[in-house]
Amino acid sequence: MTTPSSTSLPDPTHRKRELPQNELEATSQLKLGEFQNVPTLSLSEARLVINKVLDLRRKGDHKFEERETLVKTQDYLELFARFKEKENIEAVERLLSAHTELEFFERSQLGSLCCNDAEEAKSLIPSIGNKISDTELQELLDELTKLRNFVEAPFPCMKHDEKMERMHAHAHAHIPGMDGMQDTVGLELMMSP
């Protein structure tokens, strides 16, 4: 039988990590921590910004390598961005910005999700529950629907089987835990030269 050693462990070489005081959550009460009241982008706006930055980089003098994560993010935004034309994206932003009773996050979620009715919107974005009436929310959603571009297929040049195969591969690459892959990383990592 051995006795415990009297030697002590060396001091840790790293700082102690602070535990989060409040977990971030988007439920009936928005708790976004340091991101509270920070402007956010809808998927359509993110698509517009990324495409513009890439166009400028491609026109620049230095060589630019498109990383796999950037390509996957572009594919994702191409599939799920509800508004494709700059004019429509700007109109959506003006429409949503008029609703100052809603947080930036809630407005960008409404612009990304394009819900069919107020009930669906309030179930997907519970924090808007008491901020806007069902009637006013439905009017907003109807206006968003008028601006929405309906596209026949996300990749019209591909055959149906190719589209399904690409969307399946995309889902595996973007859903955490599927095939050991993790979700995409921040834009600054993807777009760095």
N, C-alpha and C. Protein backbone atom coordinates (compact mmCIF):
# COMPACT_ATOMS: atom_id res chain seq x y z
N MET A 1 0.84 -1.17 0.00
CA MET A 1 0.00 0.00 0.00
C MET A 1 0.88 1.23 0.00
N THR A 2 0.57 2.15 -0.90
CA THR A 2 1.41 3.34 -1.02
C THR A 2 0.73 4.52 -0.37
N THR A 3 1.53 5.43 0.09
CA THR A 3 0.99 6.64 0.71
C THR A 3 1.06 7.78 -0.31
N PRO A 4 0.14 8.71 -0.21
CA PRO A 4 0.14 9.82 -1.16
C PRO A 4 1.43 10.62 -1.06
N SER A 5 1.88 11.07 -2.19
CA SER A 5 3.11 11.84 -2.25
C SER A 5 2.89 13.23 -1.67
N SER A 6 3.90 13.74 -1.06
CA SER A 6 3.78 15.07 -0.46
C SER A 6 4.19 16.16 -1.44
N THR A 7 4.56 15.77 -2.66
CA THR A 7 4.93 16.80 -3.64
C THR A 7 3.66 17.46 -4.18
N SER A 8 3.76 18.74 -4.39
CA SER A 8 2.60 19.48 -4.88
C SER A 8 2.74 19.72 -6.39
N LEU A 9 1.62 19.95 -6.99
CA LEU A 9 1.60 20.23 -8.43
C LEU A 9 2.10 21.65 -8.68
N PRO A 10 2.74 21.87 -9.82
CA PRO A 10 3.19 23.23 -10.13
C PRO A 10 1.99 24.14 -10.39
N ASP A 11 2.23 25.43 -10.25
CA ASP A 11 1.18 26.40 -10.54
C ASP A 11 0.75 26.29 -12.00
N PRO A 12 -0.52 26.47 -12.27
CA PRO A 12 -0.98 26.40 -13.66
C PRO A 12 -0.33 27.52 -14.48
N THR A 13 -0.07 27.21 -15.75
CA THR A 13 0.58 28.19 -16.62
C THR A 13 -0.44 28.98 -17.44
N HIS A 14 -1.68 28.73 -17.22
CA HIS A 14 -2.71 29.45 -17.97
C HIS A 14 -3.62 30.20 -17.00
N ARG A 15 -4.31 31.18 -17.56
CA ARG A 15 -5.26 31.93 -16.74
C ARG A 15 -6.49 31.08 -16.50
N LYS A 16 -7.09 31.28 -15.35
CA LYS A 16 -8.34 30.59 -15.08
C LYS A 16 -9.41 31.19 -15.97
N ARG A 17 -10.18 30.33 -16.58
CA ARG A 17 -11.24 30.77 -17.47
C ARG A 17 -12.47 31.13 -16.66
N GLU A 18 -12.97 32.33 -16.92
CA GLU A 18 -14.19 32.76 -16.23
C GLU A 18 -15.38 32.03 -16.81
N LEU A 19 -16.23 31.58 -15.93
CA LEU A 19 -17.46 30.96 -16.40
C LEU A 19 -18.43 32.05 -16.82
N PRO A 20 -19.18 31.81 -17.90
CA PRO A 20 -20.12 32.84 -18.35
C PRO A 20 -21.16 33.13 -17.28
N GLN A 21 -21.38 34.42 -17.06
CA GLN A 21 -22.36 34.83 -16.06
C GLN A 21 -23.77 34.51 -16.52
N ASN A 22 -24.06 34.85 -17.75
CA ASN A 22 -25.37 34.59 -18.33
C ASN A 22 -25.17 33.88 -19.65
N GLU A 23 -25.79 32.76 -19.80
CA GLU A 23 -25.72 32.06 -21.07
C GLU A 23 -26.46 32.88 -22.12
N LEU A 24 -25.96 32.85 -23.35
CA LEU A 24 -26.63 33.53 -24.44
C LEU A 24 -27.82 32.70 -24.87
N GLU A 25 -28.96 33.35 -25.06
CA GLU A 25 -30.13 32.62 -25.53
C GLU A 25 -31.09 33.55 -26.24
N ALA A 26 -31.77 32.98 -27.20
CA ALA A 26 -32.78 33.72 -27.96
C ALA A 26 -34.12 33.04 -27.75
N THR A 27 -34.64 33.19 -26.54
CA THR A 27 -35.94 32.61 -26.20
C THR A 27 -36.91 33.77 -26.02
N SER A 28 -37.89 33.63 -25.13
CA SER A 28 -38.84 34.72 -24.92
C SER A 28 -38.14 35.97 -24.39
N GLN A 29 -37.02 35.79 -23.74
CA GLN A 29 -36.17 36.89 -23.29
C GLN A 29 -34.86 36.79 -24.05
N LEU A 30 -34.52 37.82 -24.80
CA LEU A 30 -33.25 37.82 -25.52
C LEU A 30 -32.12 38.08 -24.54
N LYS A 31 -31.16 37.18 -24.51
CA LYS A 31 -29.96 37.35 -23.69
C LYS A 31 -28.78 37.17 -24.63
N LEU A 32 -28.31 38.28 -25.20
CA LEU A 32 -27.24 38.21 -26.18
C LEU A 32 -25.91 38.70 -25.64
N GLY A 33 -25.86 38.95 -24.34
CA GLY A 33 -24.61 39.37 -23.72
C GLY A 33 -24.03 40.60 -24.39
N GLU A 34 -22.76 40.54 -24.73
CA GLU A 34 -22.09 41.68 -25.35
C GLU A 34 -22.64 42.01 -26.74
N PHE A 35 -23.43 41.10 -27.30
CA PHE A 35 -24.01 41.32 -28.63
C PHE A 35 -25.40 41.95 -28.57
N GLN A 36 -25.87 42.24 -27.37
CA GLN A 36 -27.15 42.92 -27.22
C GLN A 36 -27.04 44.30 -27.86
N ASN A 37 -28.02 44.70 -28.63
CA ASN A 37 -28.07 46.00 -29.30
C ASN A 37 -26.95 46.21 -30.32
N VAL A 38 -26.38 45.13 -30.82
CA VAL A 38 -25.35 45.22 -31.86
C VAL A 38 -26.03 44.93 -33.20
N PRO A 39 -25.80 45.78 -34.20
CA PRO A 39 -26.41 45.51 -35.51
C PRO A 39 -26.02 44.13 -36.05
N THR A 40 -26.99 43.46 -36.63
CA THR A 40 -26.77 42.12 -37.19
C THR A 40 -27.22 42.11 -38.64
N LEU A 41 -26.78 41.10 -39.38
CA LEU A 41 -27.13 40.96 -40.79
C LEU A 41 -28.07 39.79 -40.99
N SER A 42 -28.97 39.95 -41.92
CA SER A 42 -29.77 38.81 -42.36
C SER A 42 -28.88 37.97 -43.28
N LEU A 43 -29.33 36.78 -43.62
CA LEU A 43 -28.57 35.95 -44.55
C LEU A 43 -28.40 36.65 -45.90
N SER A 44 -29.43 37.34 -46.35
CA SER A 44 -29.37 38.05 -47.63
C SER A 44 -28.34 39.18 -47.58
N GLU A 45 -28.30 39.91 -46.47
CA GLU A 45 -27.31 40.98 -46.32
C GLU A 45 -25.90 40.41 -46.24
N ALA A 46 -25.73 39.30 -45.52
CA ALA A 46 -24.42 38.67 -45.43
C ALA A 46 -23.95 38.22 -46.81
N ARG A 47 -24.85 37.66 -47.60
CA ARG A 47 -24.53 37.23 -48.97
C ARG A 47 -24.06 38.42 -49.80
N LEU A 48 -24.78 39.53 -49.69
CA LEU A 48 -24.45 40.74 -50.44
C LEU A 48 -23.07 41.26 -50.04
N VAL A 49 -22.80 41.34 -48.74
CA VAL A 49 -21.52 41.84 -48.24
C VAL A 49 -20.36 40.94 -48.68
N ILE A 50 -20.50 39.64 -48.49
CA ILE A 50 -19.43 38.72 -48.85
C ILE A 50 -19.15 38.78 -50.35
N ASN A 51 -20.20 38.78 -51.16
CA ASN A 51 -20.00 38.84 -52.61
C ASN A 51 -19.31 40.13 -53.03
N LYS A 52 -19.66 41.25 -52.40
CA LYS A 52 -19.03 42.53 -52.73
C LYS A 52 -17.55 42.53 -52.34
N VAL A 53 -17.24 42.04 -51.15
CA VAL A 53 -15.85 41.97 -50.70
C VAL A 53 -15.04 41.08 -51.63
N LEU A 54 -15.60 39.94 -52.00
CA LEU A 54 -14.89 39.03 -52.89
C LEU A 54 -14.67 39.64 -54.27
N ASP A 55 -15.67 40.35 -54.79
CA ASP A 55 -15.50 41.03 -56.08
C ASP A 55 -14.35 42.03 -56.02
N LEU A 56 -14.29 42.80 -54.94
CA LEU A 56 -13.21 43.78 -54.78
C LEU A 56 -11.85 43.09 -54.67
N ARG A 57 -11.79 42.00 -53.93
CA ARG A 57 -10.52 41.27 -53.79
C ARG A 57 -10.06 40.66 -55.10
N ARG A 58 -11.00 40.14 -55.86
CA ARG A 58 -10.65 39.54 -57.15
C ARG A 58 -10.13 40.59 -58.13
N LYS A 59 -10.64 41.81 -58.02
CA LYS A 59 -10.20 42.89 -58.90
C LYS A 59 -8.88 43.49 -58.44
N GLY A 60 -8.49 43.22 -57.21
CA GLY A 60 -7.25 43.77 -56.66
C GLY A 60 -6.03 43.13 -57.28
N ASP A 61 -4.87 43.68 -56.96
CA ASP A 61 -3.61 43.21 -57.52
C ASP A 61 -3.09 41.93 -56.88
N HIS A 62 -3.39 41.71 -55.60
CA HIS A 62 -2.84 40.55 -54.92
C HIS A 62 -3.66 39.29 -55.21
N LYS A 63 -2.99 38.15 -55.12
CA LYS A 63 -3.68 36.88 -55.36
C LYS A 63 -4.58 36.57 -54.18
N PHE A 64 -5.69 35.94 -54.50
CA PHE A 64 -6.67 35.64 -53.47
C PHE A 64 -7.08 34.18 -53.60
N GLU A 65 -6.95 33.45 -52.51
CA GLU A 65 -7.32 32.03 -52.50
C GLU A 65 -8.64 31.88 -51.75
N GLU A 66 -9.62 31.29 -52.41
CA GLU A 66 -10.91 31.06 -51.76
C GLU A 66 -10.82 29.77 -50.95
N ARG A 67 -10.94 29.90 -49.67
CA ARG A 67 -10.87 28.74 -48.79
C ARG A 67 -12.16 27.93 -48.85
N GLU A 68 -12.04 26.67 -48.49
CA GLU A 68 -13.18 25.76 -48.54
C GLU A 68 -14.35 26.27 -47.70
N THR A 69 -14.05 26.80 -46.54
CA THR A 69 -15.11 27.30 -45.66
C THR A 69 -15.84 28.46 -46.30
N LEU A 70 -15.11 29.32 -46.99
CA LEU A 70 -15.74 30.44 -47.68
C LEU A 70 -16.66 29.94 -48.79
N VAL A 71 -16.19 28.97 -49.56
CA VAL A 71 -17.01 28.42 -50.64
C VAL A 71 -18.27 27.78 -50.07
N LYS A 72 -18.14 27.04 -48.97
CA LYS A 72 -19.31 26.41 -48.35
C LYS A 72 -20.27 27.46 -47.80
N THR A 73 -19.73 28.53 -47.24
CA THR A 73 -20.58 29.60 -46.74
C THR A 73 -21.32 30.27 -47.88
N GLN A 74 -20.63 30.51 -48.99
CA GLN A 74 -21.29 31.09 -50.16
C GLN A 74 -22.41 30.18 -50.66
N ASP A 75 -22.14 28.89 -50.72
CA ASP A 75 -23.17 27.93 -51.14
C ASP A 75 -24.37 27.99 -50.20
N TYR A 76 -24.09 28.03 -48.90
CA TYR A 76 -25.15 28.10 -47.90
C TYR A 76 -26.00 29.36 -48.09
N LEU A 77 -25.33 30.49 -48.23
CA LEU A 77 -26.05 31.75 -48.41
C LEU A 77 -26.82 31.77 -49.71
N GLU A 78 -26.28 31.17 -50.74
CA GLU A 78 -26.98 31.10 -52.03
C GLU A 78 -28.26 30.29 -51.89
N LEU A 79 -28.20 29.23 -51.09
CA LEU A 79 -29.39 28.40 -50.87
C LEU A 79 -30.43 29.07 -49.99
N PHE A 80 -30.00 29.72 -48.92
CA PHE A 80 -30.93 30.15 -47.89
C PHE A 80 -31.20 31.65 -47.82
N ALA A 81 -30.44 32.47 -48.53
CA ALA A 81 -30.74 33.90 -48.56
C ALA A 81 -32.04 34.08 -49.33
N ARG A 82 -33.02 34.69 -48.70
CA ARG A 82 -34.35 34.80 -49.30
C ARG A 82 -34.44 35.90 -50.36
N PHE A 83 -33.58 36.89 -50.25
CA PHE A 83 -33.61 38.02 -51.18
C PHE A 83 -32.28 38.06 -51.91
N LYS A 84 -32.31 38.12 -53.22
CA LYS A 84 -31.08 38.04 -54.01
C LYS A 84 -30.66 39.39 -54.59
N GLU A 85 -31.61 40.23 -54.94
CA GLU A 85 -31.30 41.50 -55.58
C GLU A 85 -31.04 42.59 -54.54
N LYS A 86 -30.02 43.41 -54.81
CA LYS A 86 -29.62 44.47 -53.88
C LYS A 86 -30.79 45.39 -53.54
N GLU A 87 -31.59 45.75 -54.54
CA GLU A 87 -32.72 46.65 -54.31
C GLU A 87 -33.72 46.05 -53.32
N ASN A 88 -33.98 44.76 -53.46
CA ASN A 88 -34.91 44.09 -52.54
C ASN A 88 -34.32 44.00 -51.13
N ILE A 89 -33.04 43.71 -51.05
CA ILE A 89 -32.37 43.62 -49.75
C ILE A 89 -32.44 44.97 -49.04
N GLU A 90 -32.20 46.05 -49.77
CA GLU A 90 -32.28 47.39 -49.19
C GLU A 90 -33.71 47.72 -48.77
N ALA A 91 -34.69 47.32 -49.57
CA ALA A 91 -36.10 47.57 -49.24
C ALA A 91 -36.49 46.80 -47.97
N VAL A 92 -36.01 45.57 -47.85
CA VAL A 92 -36.29 44.77 -46.65
C VAL A 92 -35.68 45.45 -45.43
N GLU A 93 -34.45 45.93 -45.56
CA GLU A 93 -33.79 46.61 -44.45
C GLU A 93 -34.57 47.86 -44.03
N ARG A 94 -35.03 48.64 -45.00
CA ARG A 94 -35.82 49.84 -44.68
C ARG A 94 -37.12 49.45 -43.96
N LEU A 95 -37.77 48.43 -44.47
CA LEU A 95 -39.03 47.96 -43.89
C LEU A 95 -38.82 47.49 -42.44
N LEU A 96 -37.80 46.69 -42.22
CA LEU A 96 -37.53 46.16 -40.88
C LEU A 96 -37.01 47.24 -39.93
N SER A 97 -36.21 48.17 -40.44
CA SER A 97 -35.65 49.23 -39.59
C SER A 97 -36.73 50.15 -39.04
N ALA A 98 -37.86 50.22 -39.71
CA ALA A 98 -38.97 51.05 -39.23
C ALA A 98 -39.56 50.50 -37.94
N HIS A 99 -39.30 49.25 -37.64
CA HIS A 99 -39.84 48.61 -36.44
C HIS A 99 -38.80 48.66 -35.32
N THR A 100 -38.66 49.85 -34.75
CA THR A 100 -37.65 50.07 -33.72
C THR A 100 -37.99 49.37 -32.41
N GLU A 101 -39.23 48.89 -32.29
CA GLU A 101 -39.59 48.14 -31.08
C GLU A 101 -38.91 46.77 -31.05
N LEU A 102 -38.40 46.34 -32.19
CA LEU A 102 -37.72 45.05 -32.29
C LEU A 102 -36.21 45.24 -32.20
N GLU A 103 -35.53 44.28 -31.60
CA GLU A 103 -34.07 44.30 -31.51
C GLU A 103 -33.47 44.04 -32.89
N PHE A 104 -32.21 44.43 -33.09
CA PHE A 104 -31.52 44.16 -34.35
C PHE A 104 -31.59 42.68 -34.70
N PHE A 105 -31.32 41.84 -33.71
CA PHE A 105 -31.32 40.38 -33.92
C PHE A 105 -32.68 39.90 -34.42
N GLU A 106 -33.74 40.40 -33.82
CA GLU A 106 -35.09 39.97 -34.20
C GLU A 106 -35.42 40.40 -35.62
N ARG A 107 -35.01 41.61 -35.97
CA ARG A 107 -35.26 42.10 -37.34
C ARG A 107 -34.50 41.27 -38.37
N SER A 108 -33.24 40.96 -38.07
CA SER A 108 -32.48 40.16 -39.05
C SER A 108 -33.03 38.74 -39.14
N GLN A 109 -33.55 38.22 -38.05
CA GLN A 109 -34.18 36.90 -38.10
C GLN A 109 -35.44 36.93 -38.95
N LEU A 110 -36.25 37.95 -38.81
CA LEU A 110 -37.45 38.08 -39.65
C LEU A 110 -37.07 38.17 -41.12
N GLY A 111 -36.00 38.91 -41.42
CA GLY A 111 -35.54 39.04 -42.80
C GLY A 111 -34.94 37.77 -43.36
N SER A 112 -34.42 36.91 -42.49
CA SER A 112 -33.82 35.65 -42.94
C SER A 112 -34.85 34.53 -43.05
N LEU A 113 -35.75 34.47 -42.10
CA LEU A 113 -36.69 33.34 -42.04
C LEU A 113 -37.88 33.49 -42.98
N CYS A 114 -38.32 34.73 -43.20
CA CYS A 114 -39.48 34.99 -44.08
C CYS A 114 -40.65 34.08 -43.73
N CYS A 115 -41.11 34.20 -42.52
CA CYS A 115 -42.22 33.37 -42.03
C CYS A 115 -43.50 33.69 -42.80
N ASN A 116 -44.39 32.69 -42.86
CA ASN A 116 -45.66 32.86 -43.58
C ASN A 116 -46.68 33.64 -42.77
N ASP A 117 -46.69 33.43 -41.46
CA ASP A 117 -47.70 34.11 -40.65
C ASP A 117 -47.12 34.47 -39.28
N ALA A 118 -47.87 35.31 -38.57
CA ALA A 118 -47.42 35.83 -37.28
C ALA A 118 -47.18 34.71 -36.27
N GLU A 119 -48.03 33.70 -36.28
CA GLU A 119 -47.88 32.58 -35.35
C GLU A 119 -46.55 31.86 -35.57
N GLU A 120 -46.21 31.61 -36.82
CA GLU A 120 -44.94 30.96 -37.14
C GLU A 120 -43.77 31.84 -36.70
N ALA A 121 -43.85 33.13 -36.98
CA ALA A 121 -42.77 34.05 -36.61
C ALA A 121 -42.56 34.08 -35.10
N LYS A 122 -43.66 34.11 -34.35
CA LYS A 122 -43.54 34.17 -32.89
C LYS A 122 -43.08 32.84 -32.30
N SER A 123 -43.32 31.74 -33.00
CA SER A 123 -42.81 30.46 -32.48
C SER A 123 -41.32 30.31 -32.78
N LEU A 124 -40.86 30.85 -33.91
CA LEU A 124 -39.44 30.76 -34.26
C LEU A 124 -38.60 31.84 -33.60
N ILE A 125 -39.22 32.99 -33.33
CA ILE A 125 -38.53 34.11 -32.68
C ILE A 125 -39.38 34.52 -31.47
N PRO A 126 -39.33 33.73 -30.39
CA PRO A 126 -40.23 33.96 -29.26
C PRO A 126 -40.09 35.32 -28.59
N SER A 127 -38.94 35.96 -28.71
CA SER A 127 -38.73 37.24 -28.04
C SER A 127 -39.57 38.37 -28.63
N ILE A 128 -40.16 38.18 -29.81
CA ILE A 128 -41.01 39.24 -30.38
C ILE A 128 -42.43 39.15 -29.86
N GLY A 129 -42.73 38.12 -29.08
CA GLY A 129 -44.08 37.84 -28.61
C GLY A 129 -44.90 39.01 -28.16
N ASN A 130 -44.37 39.84 -27.26
CA ASN A 130 -45.15 40.95 -26.71
C ASN A 130 -44.73 42.31 -27.26
N LYS A 131 -43.85 42.31 -28.25
CA LYS A 131 -43.34 43.58 -28.77
C LYS A 131 -44.14 44.12 -29.95
N ILE A 132 -44.88 43.24 -30.62
CA ILE A 132 -45.60 43.64 -31.82
C ILE A 132 -46.89 42.82 -31.89
N SER A 133 -47.97 43.47 -32.29
CA SER A 133 -49.25 42.75 -32.36
C SER A 133 -49.24 41.77 -33.53
N ASP A 134 -50.09 40.77 -33.44
CA ASP A 134 -50.19 39.78 -34.52
C ASP A 134 -50.58 40.45 -35.83
N THR A 135 -51.48 41.42 -35.77
CA THR A 135 -51.93 42.11 -36.98
C THR A 135 -50.79 42.88 -37.63
N GLU A 136 -50.05 43.64 -36.82
CA GLU A 136 -48.93 44.42 -37.34
C GLU A 136 -47.83 43.51 -37.86
N LEU A 137 -47.56 42.43 -37.15
CA LEU A 137 -46.54 41.47 -37.58
C LEU A 137 -46.95 40.83 -38.91
N GLN A 138 -48.22 40.46 -39.03
CA GLN A 138 -48.70 39.85 -40.27
C GLN A 138 -48.55 40.81 -41.45
N GLU A 139 -48.85 42.09 -41.22
CA GLU A 139 -48.68 43.09 -42.27
C GLU A 139 -47.22 43.19 -42.69
N LEU A 140 -46.31 43.16 -41.72
CA LEU A 140 -44.88 43.19 -42.01
C LEU A 140 -44.47 41.97 -42.82
N LEU A 141 -44.92 40.80 -42.40
CA LEU A 141 -44.59 39.56 -43.11
C LEU A 141 -45.15 39.57 -44.54
N ASP A 142 -46.34 40.11 -44.71
CA ASP A 142 -46.92 40.20 -46.06
C ASP A 142 -46.09 41.12 -46.95
N GLU A 143 -45.59 42.22 -46.39
CA GLU A 143 -44.73 43.12 -47.16
C GLU A 143 -43.42 42.44 -47.53
N LEU A 144 -42.86 41.67 -46.60
CA LEU A 144 -41.63 40.93 -46.89
C LEU A 144 -41.86 39.92 -48.01
N THR A 145 -43.00 39.26 -47.97
CA THR A 145 -43.32 38.26 -49.00
C THR A 145 -43.41 38.92 -50.37
N LYS A 146 -43.95 40.13 -50.44
CA LYS A 146 -44.03 40.83 -51.72
C LYS A 146 -42.65 41.11 -52.31
N LEU A 147 -41.68 41.33 -51.44
CA LEU A 147 -40.32 41.65 -51.89
C LEU A 147 -39.48 40.41 -52.21
N ARG A 148 -39.93 39.29 -51.76
CA ARG A 148 -39.14 38.06 -51.87
C ARG A 148 -39.02 37.59 -53.31
N ASN A 149 -37.85 37.16 -53.66
CA ASN A 149 -37.62 36.58 -54.98
C ASN A 149 -37.83 35.08 -54.88
N PHE A 150 -38.69 34.55 -55.71
CA PHE A 150 -38.86 33.11 -55.76
C PHE A 150 -38.06 32.59 -56.94
N VAL A 151 -37.12 31.73 -56.65
CA VAL A 151 -36.25 31.18 -57.68
C VAL A 151 -36.61 29.72 -57.87
N GLU A 152 -36.65 29.28 -59.13
CA GLU A 152 -37.05 27.90 -59.43
C GLU A 152 -36.16 26.88 -58.73
N ALA A 153 -34.86 27.07 -58.81
CA ALA A 153 -33.94 26.12 -58.18
C ALA A 153 -32.70 26.88 -57.76
N PRO A 154 -32.06 26.48 -56.65
CA PRO A 154 -30.87 27.18 -56.19
C PRO A 154 -29.71 27.07 -57.17
N PHE A 155 -29.63 25.99 -57.91
CA PHE A 155 -28.58 25.79 -58.89
C PHE A 155 -29.23 25.38 -60.21
N PRO A 156 -29.82 26.34 -60.95
CA PRO A 156 -30.60 25.99 -62.13
C PRO A 156 -29.82 25.28 -63.22
N CYS A 157 -28.50 25.42 -63.25
CA CYS A 157 -27.72 24.77 -64.30
C CYS A 157 -27.48 23.29 -64.01
N MET A 158 -27.81 22.82 -62.82
CA MET A 158 -27.59 21.42 -62.47
C MET A 158 -28.85 20.60 -62.67
N LYS A 159 -28.64 19.34 -62.91
CA LYS A 159 -29.77 18.41 -62.96
C LYS A 159 -30.25 18.17 -61.53
N HIS A 160 -31.48 17.65 -61.41
CA HIS A 160 -32.08 17.42 -60.10
C HIS A 160 -31.18 16.57 -59.20
N ASP A 161 -30.65 15.47 -59.71
CA ASP A 161 -29.81 14.58 -58.90
C ASP A 161 -28.57 15.29 -58.39
N GLU A 162 -27.97 16.13 -59.24
CA GLU A 162 -26.77 16.86 -58.82
C GLU A 162 -27.12 17.86 -57.72
N LYS A 163 -28.26 18.53 -57.85
CA LYS A 163 -28.68 19.49 -56.83
C LYS A 163 -28.89 18.78 -55.50
N MET A 164 -29.59 17.65 -55.53
CA MET A 164 -29.86 16.92 -54.29
C MET A 164 -28.56 16.44 -53.66
N GLU A 165 -27.64 15.95 -54.48
CA GLU A 165 -26.37 15.46 -53.98
C GLU A 165 -25.57 16.60 -53.33
N ARG A 166 -25.56 17.77 -53.97
CA ARG A 166 -24.82 18.91 -53.44
C ARG A 166 -25.46 19.42 -52.15
N MET A 167 -26.80 19.49 -52.11
CA MET A 167 -27.47 19.94 -50.89
C MET A 167 -27.24 18.95 -49.75
N HIS A 168 -27.22 17.65 -50.05
CA HIS A 168 -26.96 16.64 -49.03
C HIS A 168 -25.54 16.80 -48.48
N ALA A 169 -24.58 16.98 -49.38
CA ALA A 169 -23.19 17.17 -48.95
C ALA A 169 -23.07 18.45 -48.14
N HIS A 170 -23.79 19.48 -48.55
CA HIS A 170 -23.76 20.75 -47.84
C HIS A 170 -24.30 20.60 -46.42
N ALA A 171 -25.39 19.86 -46.27
CA ALA A 171 -25.97 19.64 -44.95
C ALA A 171 -24.99 18.93 -44.04
N HIS A 172 -24.28 17.94 -44.56
CA HIS A 172 -23.29 17.22 -43.75
C HIS A 172 -22.15 18.13 -43.34
N ALA A 173 -21.81 19.10 -44.18
CA ALA A 173 -20.71 19.99 -43.86
C ALA A 173 -21.11 21.09 -42.88
N HIS A 174 -22.40 21.40 -42.77
CA HIS A 174 -22.81 22.54 -41.95
C HIS A 174 -23.59 22.18 -40.70
N ILE A 175 -23.96 20.94 -40.52
CA ILE A 175 -24.69 20.57 -39.33
C ILE A 175 -23.70 19.96 -38.35
N PRO A 176 -23.53 20.59 -37.17
CA PRO A 176 -22.56 20.09 -36.21
C PRO A 176 -22.80 18.62 -35.88
N GLY A 177 -21.70 17.86 -35.87
CA GLY A 177 -21.78 16.46 -35.48
C GLY A 177 -22.03 15.50 -36.63
N MET A 178 -22.48 15.98 -37.77
CA MET A 178 -22.73 15.07 -38.89
C MET A 178 -21.40 14.72 -39.53
N ASP A 179 -21.11 13.44 -39.60
CA ASP A 179 -19.86 12.93 -40.17
C ASP A 179 -18.64 13.58 -39.52
N GLY A 180 -18.75 13.97 -38.27
CA GLY A 180 -17.62 14.54 -37.57
C GLY A 180 -17.28 15.97 -37.98
N MET A 181 -18.05 16.55 -38.87
CA MET A 181 -17.78 17.92 -39.33
C MET A 181 -18.37 18.90 -38.33
N GLN A 182 -17.81 20.07 -38.25
CA GLN A 182 -18.34 21.12 -37.40
C GLN A 182 -18.87 22.25 -38.27
N ASP A 183 -19.64 23.12 -37.68
CA ASP A 183 -20.23 24.23 -38.41
C ASP A 183 -19.14 25.18 -38.90
N THR A 184 -19.50 26.09 -39.79
CA THR A 184 -18.54 27.01 -40.38
C THR A 184 -17.97 27.94 -39.32
N VAL A 185 -16.79 28.49 -39.60
CA VAL A 185 -16.13 29.41 -38.67
C VAL A 185 -16.40 30.84 -39.09
N GLY A 186 -15.86 31.78 -38.33
CA GLY A 186 -16.11 33.20 -38.56
C GLY A 186 -15.66 33.70 -39.92
N LEU A 187 -16.32 34.74 -40.38
CA LEU A 187 -16.02 35.31 -41.69
C LEU A 187 -14.59 35.81 -41.78
N GLU A 188 -14.06 36.35 -40.69
CA GLU A 188 -12.71 36.89 -40.75
C GLU A 188 -11.68 35.81 -41.04
N LEU A 189 -11.92 34.59 -40.58
CA LEU A 189 -11.01 33.49 -40.87
C LEU A 189 -11.14 33.03 -42.31
N MET A 190 -12.36 33.02 -42.82
CA MET A 190 -12.60 32.54 -44.17
C MET A 190 -12.05 33.49 -45.21
N MET A 191 -12.12 34.77 -44.93
CA MET A 191 -11.83 35.74 -45.96
C MET A 191 -10.43 36.33 -45.86
N SER A 192 -9.65 35.89 -44.89
CA SER A 192 -8.31 36.45 -44.78
C SER A 192 -7.46 35.98 -45.95
N PRO A 193 -6.62 36.88 -46.51
CA PRO A 193 -5.85 36.52 -47.71
C PRO A 193 -4.80 35.48 -47.44
